[in-house]
Amino acid sequence: MSPKNSKPGAWRTAPMAAAAAFTIEEFCAAHRLSPSTYFKIKADGLGPREMLVGSRRMISAEAARRWVRQREAAARRPEREAAAKREAAAADTA
Protein backbone atom coordinates (compact mmCIF):
# COMPACT_ATOMS: atom_id res chain seq x y z
CA MET A 1 0.00 0.00 0.00
CA SER A 2 1.64 3.18 -1.19
CA PRO A 3 0.88 6.50 0.47
CA LYS A 4 0.43 7.96 -3.03
CA ASN A 5 -2.40 5.53 -3.80
CA SER A 6 -4.41 5.85 -0.61
CA LYS A 7 -6.54 8.65 0.72
CA PRO A 8 -5.77 10.03 4.18
CA GLY A 9 -7.85 8.20 6.75
CA ALA A 10 -9.01 5.53 4.27
CA TRP A 11 -8.21 2.89 6.88
CA ARG A 12 -11.02 4.32 9.05
CA THR A 13 -13.72 3.27 6.59
CA ALA A 14 -14.81 -0.37 6.81
CA PRO A 15 -15.08 -2.40 3.59
CA MET A 16 -18.50 -2.51 1.96
CA ALA A 17 -19.08 -6.27 2.27
CA ALA A 18 -17.55 -9.31 3.90
CA ALA A 19 -14.62 -10.42 1.81
CA ALA A 20 -13.01 -13.82 1.24
CA ALA A 21 -9.66 -12.05 1.30
CA PHE A 22 -8.53 -8.57 2.30
CA THR A 23 -5.91 -6.30 0.87
CA ILE A 24 -3.79 -4.84 3.63
CA GLU A 25 -5.71 -1.57 3.35
CA GLU A 26 -9.05 -3.41 3.61
CA PHE A 27 -7.79 -5.45 6.57
CA CYS A 28 -6.75 -2.26 8.34
CA ALA A 29 -10.15 -0.69 7.69
CA ALA A 30 -12.05 -3.79 8.82
CA HIS A 31 -10.05 -4.03 12.06
CA ARG A 32 -9.78 -0.29 12.68
CA LEU A 33 -5.98 -0.27 12.45
CA SER A 34 -3.88 2.44 10.92
CA PRO A 35 -1.49 1.15 8.27
CA SER A 36 1.47 2.20 10.44
CA THR A 37 0.10 0.11 13.32
CA TYR A 38 -0.38 -2.85 10.98
CA PHE A 39 3.20 -2.72 9.76
CA LYS A 40 4.46 -2.29 13.34
CA ILE A 41 2.65 -5.40 14.59
CA LYS A 42 3.79 -7.25 11.47
CA ALA A 43 7.42 -6.27 12.20
CA ASP A 44 6.93 -7.50 15.78
CA GLY A 45 5.82 -10.89 14.39
CA LEU A 46 2.23 -10.41 15.58
CA GLY A 47 0.50 -9.74 12.26
CA PRO A 48 -1.86 -12.03 10.38
CA ARG A 49 -0.59 -14.54 7.84
CA GLU A 50 -0.35 -13.01 4.39
CA MET A 51 -0.55 -14.68 1.01
CA LEU A 52 0.77 -13.51 -2.32
CA VAL A 53 -1.87 -13.29 -5.06
CA GLY A 54 -0.11 -12.24 -8.22
CA SER A 55 1.88 -9.26 -7.03
CA ARG A 56 -0.58 -8.34 -4.24
CA ARG A 57 -0.32 -9.28 -0.60
CA MET A 58 -3.69 -10.48 0.69
CA ILE A 59 -5.01 -11.74 4.03
CA SER A 60 -7.62 -14.48 3.86
CA ALA A 61 -10.75 -14.18 5.97
CA GLU A 62 -9.62 -17.31 7.85
CA ALA A 63 -6.22 -15.75 8.62
CA ALA A 64 -7.97 -12.58 9.81
CA ARG A 65 -10.23 -14.58 12.16
CA ARG A 66 -7.24 -16.58 13.45
CA TRP A 67 -5.35 -13.33 14.09
CA VAL A 68 -8.29 -11.90 16.07
CA ARG A 69 -8.50 -15.07 18.21
CA GLN A 70 -4.74 -14.96 18.87
CA ARG A 71 -4.86 -11.29 19.87
CA GLU A 72 -7.86 -11.93 22.15
CA ALA A 73 -6.08 -14.88 23.78
CA ALA A 74 -2.96 -12.77 24.30
CA ALA A 75 -5.07 -10.06 25.94
CA ARG A 76 -6.61 -12.60 28.34
CA ARG A 77 -3.26 -14.14 29.29
CA PRO A 78 -2.27 -11.43 31.81
CA GLU A 79 -5.71 -11.70 33.43
CA ARG A 80 -5.28 -15.45 33.89
CA GLU A 81 -1.75 -15.02 35.24
CA ALA A 82 -2.94 -12.43 37.76
CA ALA A 83 -5.81 -14.70 38.86
CA ALA A 84 -3.39 -17.61 39.29
CA LYS A 85 -1.08 -15.43 41.44
CA ARG A 86 -4.02 -14.34 43.60
CA GLU A 87 -5.09 -17.96 44.08
CA ALA A 88 -1.53 -19.00 44.96
CA ALA A 89 -1.22 -16.13 47.45
CA ALA A 90 -4.57 -17.06 49.00
CA ALA A 91 -3.48 -20.71 49.29
CA ASP A 92 -0.20 -19.63 50.97
CA THR A 93 -2.03 -17.60 53.60
CA ALA A 94 -4.60 -20.29 54.33
PDB file of N, CA and C in Angstrom:
ATOM      1  N   MET A   1       0.852  -1.171   0.000  1.00  0.00           N
ATOM      2  CA  MET A   1       0.000   0.000   0.000  1.00  0.00           C
ATOM      3  C   MET A   1       0.890   1.224   0.000  1.00  0.00           C
ATOM      4  N   SER A   2       0.828   1.998  -1.031  1.00  0.00           N
ATOM      5  CA  SER A   2       1.640   3.180  -1.191  1.00  0.00           C
ATOM      6  C   SER A   2       0.885   4.399  -0.688  1.00  0.00           C
ATOM      7  N   PRO A   3       1.565   5.293   0.015  1.00  0.00           N
ATOM      8  CA  PRO A   3       0.884   6.502   0.472  1.00  0.00           C
ATOM      9  C   PRO A   3       0.314   7.309  -0.688  1.00  0.00           C
ATOM     10  N   LYS A   4       0.929   7.224  -1.874  1.00  0.00           N
ATOM     11  CA  LYS A   4       0.431   7.958  -3.033  1.00  0.00           C
ATOM     12  C   LYS A   4      -0.933   7.446  -3.479  1.00  0.00           C
ATOM     13  N   ASN A   5      -1.187   6.147  -3.292  1.00  0.00           N
ATOM     14  CA  ASN A   5      -2.402   5.531  -3.804  1.00  0.00           C
ATOM     15  C   ASN A   5      -3.565   5.540  -2.819  1.00  0.00           C
ATOM     16  N   SER A   6      -3.326   5.912  -1.588  1.00  0.00           N
ATOM     17  CA  SER A   6      -4.409   5.847  -0.607  1.00  0.00           C
ATOM     18  C   SER A   6      -4.792   7.252  -0.151  1.00  0.00           C
ATOM     19  N   LYS A   7      -6.037   7.382   0.217  1.00  0.00           N
ATOM     20  CA  LYS A   7      -6.539   8.651   0.717  1.00  0.00           C
ATOM     21  C   LYS A   7      -6.265   8.726   2.210  1.00  0.00           C
ATOM     22  N   PRO A   8      -5.983   9.903   2.734  1.00  0.00           N
ATOM     23  CA  PRO A   8      -5.770  10.025   4.178  1.00  0.00           C
ATOM     24  C   PRO A   8      -6.994   9.522   4.945  1.00  0.00           C
ATOM     25  N   GLY A   9      -6.756   8.702   5.932  1.00  0.00           N
ATOM     26  CA  GLY A   9      -7.848   8.199   6.752  1.00  0.00           C
ATOM     27  C   GLY A   9      -8.667   7.103   6.110  1.00  0.00           C
ATOM     28  N   ALA A  10      -8.245   6.583   4.948  1.00  0.00           N
ATOM     29  CA  ALA A  10      -9.013   5.534   4.271  1.00  0.00           C
ATOM     30  C   ALA A  10      -9.142   4.298   5.141  1.00  0.00           C
ATOM     31  N   TRP A  11      -8.175   4.057   6.000  1.00  0.00           N
ATOM     32  CA  TRP A  11      -8.214   2.894   6.878  1.00  0.00           C
ATOM     33  C   TRP A  11      -9.351   2.983   7.897  1.00  0.00           C
ATOM     34  N   ARG A  12      -9.938   4.154   8.079  1.00  0.00           N
ATOM     35  CA  ARG A  12     -11.023   4.315   9.045  1.00  0.00           C
ATOM     36  C   ARG A  12     -12.375   3.862   8.507  1.00  0.00           C
ATOM     37  N   THR A  13     -12.469   3.651   7.219  1.00  0.00           N
ATOM     38  CA  THR A  13     -13.722   3.266   6.593  1.00  0.00           C
ATOM     39  C   THR A  13     -13.741   1.758   6.386  1.00  0.00           C
ATOM     40  N   ALA A  14     -14.723   1.089   6.942  1.00  0.00           N
ATOM     41  CA  ALA A  14     -14.812  -0.368   6.813  1.00  0.00           C
ATOM     42  C   ALA A  14     -15.162  -0.753   5.376  1.00  0.00           C
ATOM     43  N   PRO A  15     -14.720  -1.947   4.934  1.00  0.00           N
ATOM     44  CA  PRO A  15     -15.079  -2.404   3.590  1.00  0.00           C
ATOM     45  C   PRO A  15     -16.596  -2.551   3.452  1.00  0.00           C
ATOM     46  N   MET A  16     -17.067  -2.472   2.223  1.00  0.00           N
ATOM     47  CA  MET A  16     -18.501  -2.506   1.959  1.00  0.00           C
ATOM     48  C   MET A  16     -19.148  -3.846   2.317  1.00  0.00           C
ATOM     49  N   ALA A  17     -18.486  -4.959   2.021  1.00  0.00           N
ATOM     50  CA  ALA A  17     -19.085  -6.269   2.266  1.00  0.00           C
ATOM     51  C   ALA A  17     -18.025  -7.213   2.811  1.00  0.00           C
ATOM     52  N   ALA A  18     -18.482  -8.301   3.398  1.00  0.00           N
ATOM     53  CA  ALA A  18     -17.547  -9.306   3.899  1.00  0.00           C
ATOM     54  C   ALA A  18     -16.763  -9.863   2.722  1.00  0.00           C
ATOM     55  N   ALA A  19     -15.480  -9.984   2.897  1.00  0.00           N
ATOM     56  CA  ALA A  19     -14.615 -10.421   1.811  1.00  0.00           C
ATOM     57  C   ALA A  19     -14.031 -11.790   2.116  1.00  0.00           C
ATOM     58  N   ALA A  20     -13.703 -12.540   1.070  1.00  0.00           N
ATOM     59  CA  ALA A  20     -13.011 -13.815   1.237  1.00  0.00           C
ATOM     60  C   ALA A  20     -11.542 -13.565   1.517  1.00  0.00           C
ATOM     61  N   ALA A  21     -11.039 -12.440   1.041  1.00  0.00           N
ATOM     62  CA  ALA A  21      -9.660 -12.048   1.300  1.00  0.00           C
ATOM     63  C   ALA A  21      -9.588 -10.531   1.324  1.00  0.00           C
ATOM     64  N   PHE A  22      -8.700 -10.006   2.136  1.00  0.00           N
ATOM     65  CA  PHE A  22      -8.535  -8.571   2.296  1.00  0.00           C
ATOM     66  C   PHE A  22      -7.206  -8.122   1.708  1.00  0.00           C
ATOM     67  N   THR A  23      -7.183  -6.953   1.100  1.00  0.00           N
ATOM     68  CA  THR A  23      -5.906  -6.299   0.865  1.00  0.00           C
ATOM     69  C   THR A  23      -5.458  -5.795   2.238  1.00  0.00           C
ATOM     70  N   ILE A  24      -4.235  -5.356   2.341  1.00  0.00           N
ATOM     71  CA  ILE A  24      -3.785  -4.838   3.634  1.00  0.00           C
ATOM     72  C   ILE A  24      -4.597  -3.607   4.024  1.00  0.00           C
ATOM     73  N   GLU A  25      -4.895  -2.757   3.055  1.00  0.00           N
ATOM     74  CA  GLU A  25      -5.706  -1.571   3.349  1.00  0.00           C
ATOM     75  C   GLU A  25      -7.102  -1.962   3.831  1.00  0.00           C
ATOM     76  N   GLU A  26      -7.722  -2.962   3.193  1.00  0.00           N
ATOM     77  CA  GLU A  26      -9.054  -3.415   3.613  1.00  0.00           C
ATOM     78  C   GLU A  26      -9.005  -4.061   4.997  1.00  0.00           C
ATOM     79  N   PHE A  27      -7.954  -4.834   5.256  1.00  0.00           N
ATOM     80  CA  PHE A  27      -7.789  -5.453   6.575  1.00  0.00           C
ATOM     81  C   PHE A  27      -7.691  -4.369   7.647  1.00  0.00           C
ATOM     82  N   CYS A  28      -6.894  -3.353   7.375  1.00  0.00           N
ATOM     83  CA  CYS A  28      -6.750  -2.257   8.337  1.00  0.00           C
ATOM     84  C   CYS A  28      -8.087  -1.580   8.590  1.00  0.00           C
ATOM     85  N   ALA A  29      -8.842  -1.337   7.532  1.00  0.00           N
ATOM     86  CA  ALA A  29     -10.150  -0.687   7.687  1.00  0.00           C
ATOM     87  C   ALA A  29     -11.100  -1.581   8.479  1.00  0.00           C
ATOM     88  N   ALA A  30     -11.135  -2.865   8.156  1.00  0.00           N
ATOM     89  CA  ALA A  30     -12.055  -3.789   8.822  1.00  0.00           C
ATOM     90  C   ALA A  30     -11.732  -3.948  10.298  1.00  0.00           C
ATOM     91  N   HIS A  31     -10.456  -3.820  10.668  1.00  0.00           N
ATOM     92  CA  HIS A  31     -10.053  -4.033  12.058  1.00  0.00           C
ATOM     93  C   HIS A  31      -9.667  -2.734  12.754  1.00  0.00           C
ATOM     94  N   ARG A  32      -9.999  -1.617  12.112  1.00  0.00           N
ATOM     95  CA  ARG A  32      -9.780  -0.293  12.683  1.00  0.00           C
ATOM     96  C   ARG A  32      -8.326  -0.078  13.096  1.00  0.00           C
ATOM     97  N   LEU A  33      -7.404  -0.475  12.227  1.00  0.00           N
ATOM     98  CA  LEU A  33      -5.978  -0.269  12.448  1.00  0.00           C
ATOM     99  C   LEU A  33      -5.469   0.756  11.456  1.00  0.00           C
ATOM    100  N   SER A  34      -4.550   1.584  11.887  1.00  0.00           N
ATOM    101  CA  SER A  34      -3.883   2.444  10.916  1.00  0.00           C
ATOM    102  C   SER A  34      -2.855   1.578  10.188  1.00  0.00           C
ATOM    103  N   PRO A  35      -2.511   1.926   8.970  1.00  0.00           N
ATOM    104  CA  PRO A  35      -1.486   1.155   8.266  1.00  0.00           C
ATOM    105  C   PRO A  35      -0.163   1.112   9.034  1.00  0.00           C
ATOM    106  N   SER A  36       0.202   2.208   9.691  1.00  0.00           N
ATOM    107  CA  SER A  36       1.465   2.196  10.439  1.00  0.00           C
ATOM    108  C   SER A  36       1.402   1.199  11.599  1.00  0.00           C
ATOM    109  N   THR A  37       0.256   1.096  12.252  1.00  0.00           N
ATOM    110  CA  THR A  37       0.105   0.108  13.323  1.00  0.00           C
ATOM    111  C   THR A  37       0.188  -1.297  12.764  1.00  0.00           C
ATOM    112  N   TYR A  38      -0.449  -1.536  11.609  1.00  0.00           N
ATOM    113  CA  TYR A  38      -0.381  -2.853  10.980  1.00  0.00           C
ATOM    114  C   TYR A  38       1.063  -3.258  10.719  1.00  0.00           C
ATOM    115  N   PHE A  39       1.823  -2.366  10.104  1.00  0.00           N
ATOM    116  CA  PHE A  39       3.201  -2.716   9.762  1.00  0.00           C
ATOM    117  C   PHE A  39       4.071  -2.842  11.007  1.00  0.00           C
ATOM    118  N   LYS A  40       3.725  -2.137  12.081  1.00  0.00           N
ATOM    119  CA  LYS A  40       4.460  -2.289  13.341  1.00  0.00           C
ATOM    120  C   LYS A  40       4.204  -3.666  13.946  1.00  0.00           C
ATOM    121  N   ILE A  41       2.928  -4.077  14.010  1.00  0.00           N
ATOM    122  CA  ILE A  41       2.651  -5.397  14.593  1.00  0.00           C
ATOM    123  C   ILE A  41       3.189  -6.505  13.695  1.00  0.00           C
ATOM    124  N   LYS A  42       3.202  -6.266  12.387  1.00  0.00           N
ATOM    125  CA  LYS A  42       3.791  -7.250  11.471  1.00  0.00           C
ATOM    126  C   LYS A  42       5.293  -7.375  11.742  1.00  0.00           C
ATOM    127  N   ALA A  43       5.983  -6.251  11.914  1.00  0.00           N
ATOM    128  CA  ALA A  43       7.419  -6.267  12.203  1.00  0.00           C
ATOM    129  C   ALA A  43       7.714  -6.954  13.532  1.00  0.00           C
ATOM    130  N   ASP A  44       6.774  -6.850  14.478  1.00  0.00           N
ATOM    131  CA  ASP A  44       6.925  -7.505  15.783  1.00  0.00           C
ATOM    132  C   ASP A  44       6.589  -8.993  15.727  1.00  0.00           C
ATOM    133  N   GLY A  45       6.174  -9.480  14.541  1.00  0.00           N
ATOM    134  CA  GLY A  45       5.816 -10.892  14.394  1.00  0.00           C
ATOM    135  C   GLY A  45       4.418 -11.214  14.882  1.00  0.00           C
ATOM    136  N   LEU A  46       3.563 -10.201  15.041  1.00  0.00           N
ATOM    137  CA  LEU A  46       2.226 -10.413  15.582  1.00  0.00           C
ATOM    138  C   LEU A  46       1.126 -10.180  14.552  1.00  0.00           C
ATOM    139  N   GLY A  47       1.489  -9.996  13.304  1.00  0.00           N
ATOM    140  CA  GLY A  47       0.502  -9.736  12.264  1.00  0.00           C
ATOM    141  C   GLY A  47      -0.144 -11.011  11.758  1.00  0.00           C
ATOM    142  N   PRO A  48      -1.199 -10.864  10.962  1.00  0.00           N
ATOM    143  CA  PRO A  48      -1.856 -12.035  10.385  1.00  0.00           C
ATOM    144  C   PRO A  48      -1.011 -12.642   9.268  1.00  0.00           C
ATOM    145  N   ARG A  49      -1.285 -13.877   8.934  1.00  0.00           N
ATOM    146  CA  ARG A  49      -0.585 -14.544   7.842  1.00  0.00           C
ATOM    147  C   ARG A  49      -1.037 -13.919   6.526  1.00  0.00           C
ATOM    148  N   GLU A  50      -0.070 -13.596   5.697  1.00  0.00           N
ATOM    149  CA  GLU A  50      -0.352 -13.009   4.394  1.00  0.00           C
ATOM    150  C   GLU A  50      -0.132 -14.043   3.307  1.00  0.00           C
ATOM    151  N   MET A  51      -0.786 -13.824   2.173  1.00  0.00           N
ATOM    152  CA  MET A  51      -0.555 -14.678   1.013  1.00  0.00           C
ATOM    153  C   MET A  51      -0.300 -13.766  -0.175  1.00  0.00           C
ATOM    154  N   LEU A  52       0.459 -14.269  -1.129  1.00  0.00           N
ATOM    155  CA  LEU A  52       0.768 -13.511  -2.324  1.00  0.00           C
ATOM    156  C   LEU A  52      -0.177 -13.958  -3.425  1.00  0.00           C
ATOM    157  N   VAL A  53      -0.943 -13.021  -3.969  1.00  0.00           N
ATOM    158  CA  VAL A  53      -1.865 -13.293  -5.061  1.00  0.00           C
ATOM    159  C   VAL A  53      -1.406 -12.414  -6.217  1.00  0.00           C
ATOM    160  N   GLY A  54      -0.746 -13.033  -7.179  1.00  0.00           N
ATOM    161  CA  GLY A  54      -0.107 -12.243  -8.222  1.00  0.00           C
ATOM    162  C   GLY A  54       0.984 -11.421  -7.576  1.00  0.00           C
ATOM    163  N   SER A  55       0.895 -10.126  -7.677  1.00  0.00           N
ATOM    164  CA  SER A  55       1.883  -9.260  -7.035  1.00  0.00           C
ATOM    165  C   SER A  55       1.311  -8.580  -5.790  1.00  0.00           C
ATOM    166  N   ARG A  56       0.081  -8.969  -5.394  1.00  0.00           N
ATOM    167  CA  ARG A  56      -0.578  -8.342  -4.240  1.00  0.00           C
ATOM    168  C   ARG A  56      -0.482  -9.218  -3.005  1.00  0.00           C
ATOM    169  N   ARG A  57      -0.282  -8.590  -1.882  1.00  0.00           N
ATOM    170  CA  ARG A  57      -0.317  -9.283  -0.600  1.00  0.00           C
ATOM    171  C   ARG A  57      -1.742  -9.222  -0.092  1.00  0.00           C
ATOM    172  N   MET A  58      -2.302 -10.387   0.226  1.00  0.00           N
ATOM    173  CA  MET A  58      -3.687 -10.482   0.691  1.00  0.00           C
ATOM    174  C   MET A  58      -3.702 -11.226   2.022  1.00  0.00           C
ATOM    175  N   ILE A  59      -4.784 -11.042   2.757  1.00  0.00           N
ATOM    176  CA  ILE A  59      -5.007 -11.741   4.026  1.00  0.00           C
ATOM    177  C   ILE A  59      -6.355 -12.426   3.895  1.00  0.00           C
ATOM    178  N   SER A  60      -6.355 -13.751   3.996  1.00  0.00           N
ATOM    179  CA  SER A  60      -7.623 -14.478   3.861  1.00  0.00           C
ATOM    180  C   SER A  60      -8.514 -14.186   5.059  1.00  0.00           C
ATOM    181  N   ALA A  61      -9.805 -14.382   4.872  1.00  0.00           N
ATOM    182  CA  ALA A  61     -10.750 -14.183   5.974  1.00  0.00           C
ATOM    183  C   ALA A  61     -10.417 -15.124   7.127  1.00  0.00           C
ATOM    184  N   GLU A  62      -9.987 -16.345   6.808  1.00  0.00           N
ATOM    185  CA  GLU A  62      -9.616 -17.311   7.854  1.00  0.00           C
ATOM    186  C   GLU A  62      -8.407 -16.816   8.642  1.00  0.00           C
ATOM    187  N   ALA A  63      -7.406 -16.275   7.937  1.00  0.00           N
ATOM    188  CA  ALA A  63      -6.217 -15.750   8.618  1.00  0.00           C
ATOM    189  C   ALA A  63      -6.587 -14.555   9.492  1.00  0.00           C
ATOM    190  N   ALA A  64      -7.520 -13.731   9.014  1.00  0.00           N
ATOM    191  CA  ALA A  64      -7.973 -12.582   9.807  1.00  0.00           C
ATOM    192  C   ALA A  64      -8.664 -13.052  11.085  1.00  0.00           C
ATOM    193  N   ARG A  65      -9.546 -14.057  10.966  1.00  0.00           N
ATOM    194  CA  ARG A  65     -10.231 -14.583  12.157  1.00  0.00           C
ATOM    195  C   ARG A  65      -9.231 -15.208  13.132  1.00  0.00           C
ATOM    196  N   ARG A  66      -8.268 -15.946  12.604  1.00  0.00           N
ATOM    197  CA  ARG A  66      -7.240 -16.575  13.450  1.00  0.00           C
ATOM    198  C   ARG A  66      -6.445 -15.494  14.192  1.00  0.00           C
ATOM    199  N   TRP A  67      -6.107 -14.419  13.487  1.00  0.00           N
ATOM    200  CA  TRP A  67      -5.350 -13.328  14.088  1.00  0.00           C
ATOM    201  C   TRP A  67      -6.150 -12.694  15.233  1.00  0.00           C
ATOM    202  N   VAL A  68      -7.440 -12.478  15.022  1.00  0.00           N
ATOM    203  CA  VAL A  68      -8.289 -11.896  16.068  1.00  0.00           C
ATOM    204  C   VAL A  68      -8.307 -12.818  17.284  1.00  0.00           C
ATOM    205  N   ARG A  69      -8.489 -14.117  17.071  1.00  0.00           N
ATOM    206  CA  ARG A  69      -8.503 -15.073  18.206  1.00  0.00           C
ATOM    207  C   ARG A  69      -7.173 -15.050  18.950  1.00  0.00           C
ATOM    208  N   GLN A  70      -6.059 -14.987  18.218  1.00  0.00           N
ATOM    209  CA  GLN A  70      -4.742 -14.956  18.866  1.00  0.00           C
ATOM    210  C   GLN A  70      -4.556 -13.687  19.680  1.00  0.00           C
ATOM    211  N   ARG A  71      -4.988 -12.557  19.139  1.00  0.00           N
ATOM    212  CA  ARG A  71      -4.860 -11.287  19.866  1.00  0.00           C
ATOM    213  C   ARG A  71      -5.757 -11.284  21.098  1.00  0.00           C
ATOM    214  N   GLU A  72      -6.967 -11.854  20.984  1.00  0.00           N
ATOM    215  CA  GLU A  72      -7.858 -11.931  22.149  1.00  0.00           C
ATOM    216  C   GLU A  72      -7.265 -12.835  23.222  1.00  0.00           C
ATOM    217  N   ALA A  73      -6.695 -13.959  22.813  1.00  0.00           N
ATOM    218  CA  ALA A  73      -6.080 -14.878  23.780  1.00  0.00           C
ATOM    219  C   ALA A  73      -4.893 -14.207  24.468  1.00  0.00           C
ATOM    220  N   ALA A  74      -4.106 -13.465  23.716  1.00  0.00           N
ATOM    221  CA  ALA A  74      -2.959 -12.771  24.303  1.00  0.00           C
ATOM    222  C   ALA A  74      -3.419 -11.706  25.295  1.00  0.00           C
ATOM    223  N   ALA A  75      -4.544 -11.079  25.025  1.00  0.00           N
ATOM    224  CA  ALA A  75      -5.068 -10.063  25.939  1.00  0.00           C
ATOM    225  C   ALA A  75      -5.581 -10.693  27.233  1.00  0.00           C
ATOM    226  N   ARG A  76      -6.094 -11.910  27.140  1.00  0.00           N
ATOM    227  CA  ARG A  76      -6.614 -12.596  28.336  1.00  0.00           C
ATOM    228  C   ARG A  76      -5.496 -13.205  29.180  1.00  0.00           C
ATOM    229  N   ARG A  77      -4.352 -13.480  28.583  1.00  0.00           N
ATOM    230  CA  ARG A  77      -3.259 -14.144  29.286  1.00  0.00           C
ATOM    231  C   ARG A  77      -2.858 -13.420  30.569  1.00  0.00           C
ATOM    232  N   PRO A  78      -2.635 -12.111  30.563  1.00  0.00           N
ATOM    233  CA  PRO A  78      -2.272 -11.434  31.814  1.00  0.00           C
ATOM    234  C   PRO A  78      -3.356 -11.551  32.881  1.00  0.00           C
ATOM    235  N   GLU A  79      -4.615 -11.548  32.472  1.00  0.00           N
ATOM    236  CA  GLU A  79      -5.709 -11.700  33.427  1.00  0.00           C
ATOM    237  C   GLU A  79      -5.631 -13.065  34.109  1.00  0.00           C
ATOM    238  N   ARG A  80      -5.373 -14.110  33.315  1.00  0.00           N
ATOM    239  CA  ARG A  80      -5.281 -15.451  33.888  1.00  0.00           C
ATOM    240  C   ARG A  80      -4.080 -15.580  34.806  1.00  0.00           C
ATOM    241  N   GLU A  81      -2.945 -14.964  34.402  1.00  0.00           N
ATOM    242  CA  GLU A  81      -1.748 -15.021  35.243  1.00  0.00           C
ATOM    243  C   GLU A  81      -1.979 -14.306  36.564  1.00  0.00           C
ATOM    244  N   ALA A  82      -2.655 -13.165  36.528  1.00  0.00           N
ATOM    245  CA  ALA A  82      -2.940 -12.426  37.758  1.00  0.00           C
ATOM    246  C   ALA A  82      -3.877 -13.228  38.659  1.00  0.00           C
ATOM    247  N   ALA A  83      -4.883 -13.874  38.069  1.00  0.00           N
ATOM    248  CA  ALA A  83      -5.806 -14.701  38.859  1.00  0.00           C
ATOM    249  C   ALA A  83      -5.063 -15.870  39.497  1.00  0.00           C
ATOM    250  N   ALA A  84      -4.150 -16.478  38.753  1.00  0.00           N
ATOM    251  CA  ALA A  84      -3.386 -17.611  39.295  1.00  0.00           C
ATOM    252  C   ALA A  84      -2.504 -17.146  40.452  1.00  0.00           C
ATOM    253  N   LYS A  85      -1.908 -15.961  40.354  1.00  0.00           N
ATOM    254  CA  LYS A  85      -1.081 -15.434  41.442  1.00  0.00           C
ATOM    255  C   LYS A  85      -1.917 -15.153  42.672  1.00  0.00           C
ATOM    256  N   ARG A  86      -3.138 -14.607  42.455  1.00  0.00           N
ATOM    257  CA  ARG A  86      -4.025 -14.339  43.603  1.00  0.00           C
ATOM    258  C   ARG A  86      -4.410 -15.636  44.298  1.00  0.00           C
ATOM    259  N   GLU A  87      -4.721 -16.666  43.495  1.00  0.00           N
ATOM    260  CA  GLU A  87      -5.093 -17.960  44.078  1.00  0.00           C
ATOM    261  C   GLU A  87      -3.916 -18.572  44.842  1.00  0.00           C
ATOM    262  N   ALA A  88      -2.719 -18.458  44.279  1.00  0.00           N
ATOM    263  CA  ALA A  88      -1.532 -18.998  44.960  1.00  0.00           C
ATOM    264  C   ALA A  88      -1.268 -18.258  46.246  1.00  0.00           C
ATOM    265  N   ALA A  89      -1.429 -16.926  46.228  1.00  0.00           N
ATOM    266  CA  ALA A  89      -1.221 -16.130  47.445  1.00  0.00           C
ATOM    267  C   ALA A  89      -2.258 -16.480  48.499  1.00  0.00           C
ATOM    268  N   ALA A  90      -3.510 -16.686  48.058  1.00  0.00           N
ATOM    269  CA  ALA A  90      -4.570 -17.056  49.001  1.00  0.00           C
ATOM    270  C   ALA A  90      -4.299 -18.433  49.593  1.00  0.00           C
ATOM    271  N   ALA A  91      -3.774 -19.351  48.808  1.00  0.00           N
ATOM    272  CA  ALA A  91      -3.477 -20.706  49.288  1.00  0.00           C
ATOM    273  C   ALA A  91      -2.311 -20.660  50.280  1.00  0.00           C
ATOM    274  N   ASP A  92      -1.347 -19.760  50.068  1.00  0.00           N
ATOM    275  CA  ASP A  92      -0.199 -19.634  50.974  1.00  0.00           C
ATOM    276  C   ASP A  92      -0.610 -19.083  52.328  1.00  0.00           C
ATOM    277  N   THR A  93      -1.606 -18.198  52.336  1.00  0.00           N
ATOM    278  CA  THR A  93      -2.027 -17.597  53.605  1.00  0.00           C
ATOM    279  C   THR A  93      -3.000 -18.483  54.360  1.00  0.00           C
ATOM    280  N   ALA A  94      -3.596 -19.435  53.691  1.00  0.00           N
ATOM    281  CA  ALA A  94      -4.602 -20.295  54.330  1.00  0.00           C
ATOM    282  C   ALA A  94      -3.982 -21.435  55.080  1.00  0.00           C
TER     283      ALA A  94
END
